Amino acid sequence: MEIEVTNDELRRIRKNKREIEARFRNLEGLERTLRVLKLRLLTEQRERVEKRLIEMRANYIELTEFEEIAKRDKEFLMAFRKELSEENKRLRAELEAMKK
């Protein structure tokens, strides 16, 4: 790549060489800082996502365990309800027999 400058511009460039070099060094420093900050941000985001994934897995395990407990409880309650119904029928029959 070639850059064409006039003699006036060349004299100003030579005069301001240190300032220009400082700007480029500063620019490179800023770019490095930006890369470091970007890497830090991505690392933090990854850590948050990993933490959330662990939480979601734990919640899923709890949910499936709760679902199994709920199924067993429902089966128990249905059996208990059936026993109560049968006992209720028997007691009604005894009451009807006593009335006669």
C-alpha atoms as a PDB file:
ATOM      1  CA  MET A   1       0.000   0.000   0.000  1.00  0.00           C
ATOM      2  CA  GLU A   2       1.354   3.402  -0.907  1.00  0.00           C
ATOM      3  CA  ILE A   3       0.444   6.735   0.542  1.00  0.00           C
ATOM      4  CA  GLU A   4       1.308   9.854  -1.393  1.00  0.00           C
ATOM      5  CA  VAL A   5       1.922  13.041   0.583  1.00  0.00           C
ATOM      6  CA  THR A   6       3.025  16.481  -0.389  1.00  0.00           C
ATOM      7  CA  ASN A   7       6.314  17.969   0.806  1.00  0.00           C
ATOM      8  CA  ASP A   8       4.420  20.110   3.302  1.00  0.00           C
ATOM      9  CA  GLU A   9       2.629  17.054   4.694  1.00  0.00           C
ATOM     10  CA  LEU A  10       5.927  15.158   4.852  1.00  0.00           C
ATOM     11  CA  ARG A  11       7.512  17.950   6.906  1.00  0.00           C
ATOM     12  CA  ARG A  12       4.515  17.982   9.292  1.00  0.00           C
ATOM     13  CA  ILE A  13       4.640  14.167   9.576  1.00  0.00           C
ATOM     14  CA  ARG A  14       8.345  14.273  10.464  1.00  0.00           C
ATOM     15  CA  LYS A  15       7.724  17.091  12.923  1.00  0.00           C
ATOM     16  CA  ASN A  16       4.846  15.245  14.580  1.00  0.00           C
ATOM     17  CA  LYS A  17       6.425  11.777  14.308  1.00  0.00           C
ATOM     18  CA  ARG A  18       6.490  11.166  18.066  1.00  0.00           C
ATOM     19  CA  GLU A  19       2.899  12.291  18.489  1.00  0.00           C
ATOM     20  CA  ILE A  20       1.787  10.093  15.604  1.00  0.00           C
ATOM     21  CA  GLU A  21       3.715   7.092  16.983  1.00  0.00           C
ATOM     22  CA  ALA A  22       2.182   7.699  20.416  1.00  0.00           C
ATOM     23  CA  ARG A  23      -1.274   7.709  18.825  1.00  0.00           C
ATOM     24  CA  PHE A  24      -0.576   4.391  17.088  1.00  0.00           C
ATOM     25  CA  ARG A  25       0.810   2.857  20.286  1.00  0.00           C
ATOM     26  CA  ASN A  26      -2.217   4.153  22.143  1.00  0.00           C
ATOM     27  CA  LEU A  27      -4.473   2.731  19.438  1.00  0.00           C
ATOM     28  CA  GLU A  28      -2.764  -0.646  19.711  1.00  0.00           C
ATOM     29  CA  GLY A  29      -3.126  -0.470  23.486  1.00  0.00           C
ATOM     30  CA  LEU A  30      -6.783   0.347  23.134  1.00  0.00           C
ATOM     31  CA  GLU A  31      -7.270  -2.555  20.735  1.00  0.00           C
ATOM     32  CA  ARG A  32      -5.531  -4.912  23.175  1.00  0.00           C
ATOM     33  CA  THR A  33      -7.690  -3.583  26.001  1.00  0.00           C
ATOM     34  CA  LEU A  34     -10.790  -4.062  23.880  1.00  0.00           C
ATOM     35  CA  ARG A  35      -9.801  -7.660  23.093  1.00  0.00           C
ATOM     36  CA  VAL A  36      -9.157  -8.351  26.789  1.00  0.00           C
ATOM     37  CA  LEU A  37     -12.506  -6.841  27.761  1.00  0.00           C
ATOM     38  CA  LYS A  38     -14.292  -8.799  25.050  1.00  0.00           C
ATOM     39  CA  LEU A  39     -12.645 -12.028  26.216  1.00  0.00           C
ATOM     40  CA  ARG A  40     -13.578 -11.242  29.822  1.00  0.00           C
ATOM     41  CA  LEU A  41     -17.180 -10.561  28.798  1.00  0.00           C
ATOM     42  CA  LEU A  42     -17.403 -13.807  26.849  1.00  0.00           C
ATOM     43  CA  THR A  43     -15.874 -15.731  29.754  1.00  0.00           C
ATOM     44  CA  GLU A  44     -18.368 -14.226  32.199  1.00  0.00           C
ATOM     45  CA  GLN A  45     -21.265 -14.998  29.853  1.00  0.00           C
ATOM     46  CA  ARG A  46     -20.073 -18.590  29.500  1.00  0.00           C
ATOM     47  CA  GLU A  47     -19.816 -18.947  33.281  1.00  0.00           C
ATOM     48  CA  ARG A  48     -23.354 -17.552  33.704  1.00  0.00           C
ATOM     49  CA  VAL A  49     -24.697 -19.954  31.079  1.00  0.00           C
ATOM     50  CA  GLU A  50     -22.900 -22.910  32.685  1.00  0.00           C
ATOM     51  CA  LYS A  51     -24.257 -21.937  36.117  1.00  0.00           C
ATOM     52  CA  ARG A  52     -27.776 -21.628  34.689  1.00  0.00           C
ATOM     53  CA  LEU A  53     -27.423 -25.021  32.991  1.00  0.00           C
ATOM     54  CA  ILE A  54     -26.436 -26.622  36.306  1.00  0.00           C
ATOM     55  CA  GLU A  55     -29.452 -24.989  37.974  1.00  0.00           C
ATOM     56  CA  MET A  56     -31.768 -26.161  35.207  1.00  0.00           C
ATOM     57  CA  ARG A  57     -30.465 -29.735  35.465  1.00  0.00           C
ATOM     58  CA  ALA A  58     -31.022 -29.700  39.237  1.00  0.00           C
ATOM     59  CA  ASN A  59     -34.527 -28.291  38.740  1.00  0.00           C
ATOM     60  CA  TYR A  60     -35.290 -30.948  36.125  1.00  0.00           C
ATOM     61  CA  ILE A  61     -34.181 -33.714  38.495  1.00  0.00           C
ATOM     62  CA  GLU A  62     -36.339 -32.247  41.276  1.00  0.00           C
ATOM     63  CA  LEU A  63     -39.288 -31.964  38.904  1.00  0.00           C
ATOM     64  CA  THR A  64     -39.036 -35.579  37.726  1.00  0.00           C
ATOM     65  CA  GLU A  65     -38.708 -36.782  41.326  1.00  0.00           C
ATOM     66  CA  PHE A  66     -41.744 -34.683  42.291  1.00  0.00           C
ATOM     67  CA  GLU A  67     -43.669 -36.150  39.355  1.00  0.00           C
ATOM     68  CA  GLU A  68     -42.917 -39.697  40.522  1.00  0.00           C
ATOM     69  CA  ILE A  69     -43.954 -38.857  44.088  1.00  0.00           C
ATOM     70  CA  ALA A  70     -47.161 -37.266  42.789  1.00  0.00           C
ATOM     71  CA  LYS A  71     -47.977 -40.420  40.782  1.00  0.00           C
ATOM     72  CA  ARG A  72     -47.449 -42.628  43.836  1.00  0.00           C
ATOM     73  CA  ASP A  73     -49.512 -40.277  46.006  1.00  0.00           C
ATOM     74  CA  LYS A  74     -52.331 -40.290  43.456  1.00  0.00           C
ATOM     75  CA  GLU A  75     -52.326 -44.095  43.334  1.00  0.00           C
ATOM     76  CA  PHE A  76     -52.369 -44.244  47.139  1.00  0.00           C
ATOM     77  CA  LEU A  77     -55.215 -41.716  47.377  1.00  0.00           C
ATOM     78  CA  MET A  78     -57.251 -43.503  44.705  1.00  0.00           C
ATOM     79  CA  ALA A  79     -56.848 -46.800  46.592  1.00  0.00           C
ATOM     80  CA  PHE A  80     -57.736 -45.089  49.878  1.00  0.00           C
ATOM     81  CA  ARG A  81     -60.782 -43.456  48.264  1.00  0.00           C
ATOM     82  CA  LYS A  82     -61.901 -46.841  46.957  1.00  0.00           C
ATOM     83  CA  GLU A  83     -61.563 -48.347  50.451  1.00  0.00           C
ATOM     84  CA  LEU A  84     -63.573 -45.474  51.955  1.00  0.00           C
ATOM     85  CA  SER A  85     -66.257 -45.877  49.330  1.00  0.00           C
ATOM     86  CA  GLU A  86     -66.521 -49.594  49.995  1.00  0.00           C
ATOM     87  CA  GLU A  87     -66.628 -49.028  53.772  1.00  0.00           C
ATOM     88  CA  ASN A  88     -69.266 -46.326  53.270  1.00  0.00           C
ATOM     89  CA  LYS A  89     -71.368 -48.764  51.224  1.00  0.00           C
ATOM     90  CA  ARG A  90     -71.032 -51.407  53.907  1.00  0.00           C
ATOM     91  CA  LEU A  91     -72.021 -48.973  56.671  1.00  0.00           C
ATOM     92  CA  ARG A  92     -75.065 -47.774  54.682  1.00  0.00           C
ATOM     93  CA  ALA A  93     -76.109 -51.352  54.148  1.00  0.00           C
ATOM     94  CA  GLU A  94     -75.795 -52.002  57.910  1.00  0.00           C
ATOM     95  CA  LEU A  95     -77.875 -48.875  58.653  1.00  0.00           C
ATOM     96  CA  GLU A  96     -80.557 -49.957  56.200  1.00  0.00           C
ATOM     97  CA  ALA A  97     -80.600 -53.407  57.824  1.00  0.00           C
ATOM     98  CA  MET A  98     -80.954 -51.858  61.282  1.00  0.00           C
ATOM     99  CA  LYS A  99     -83.908 -49.681  60.143  1.00  0.00           C
ATOM    100  CA  LYS A 100     -85.860 -52.699  58.958  1.00  0.00           C
END
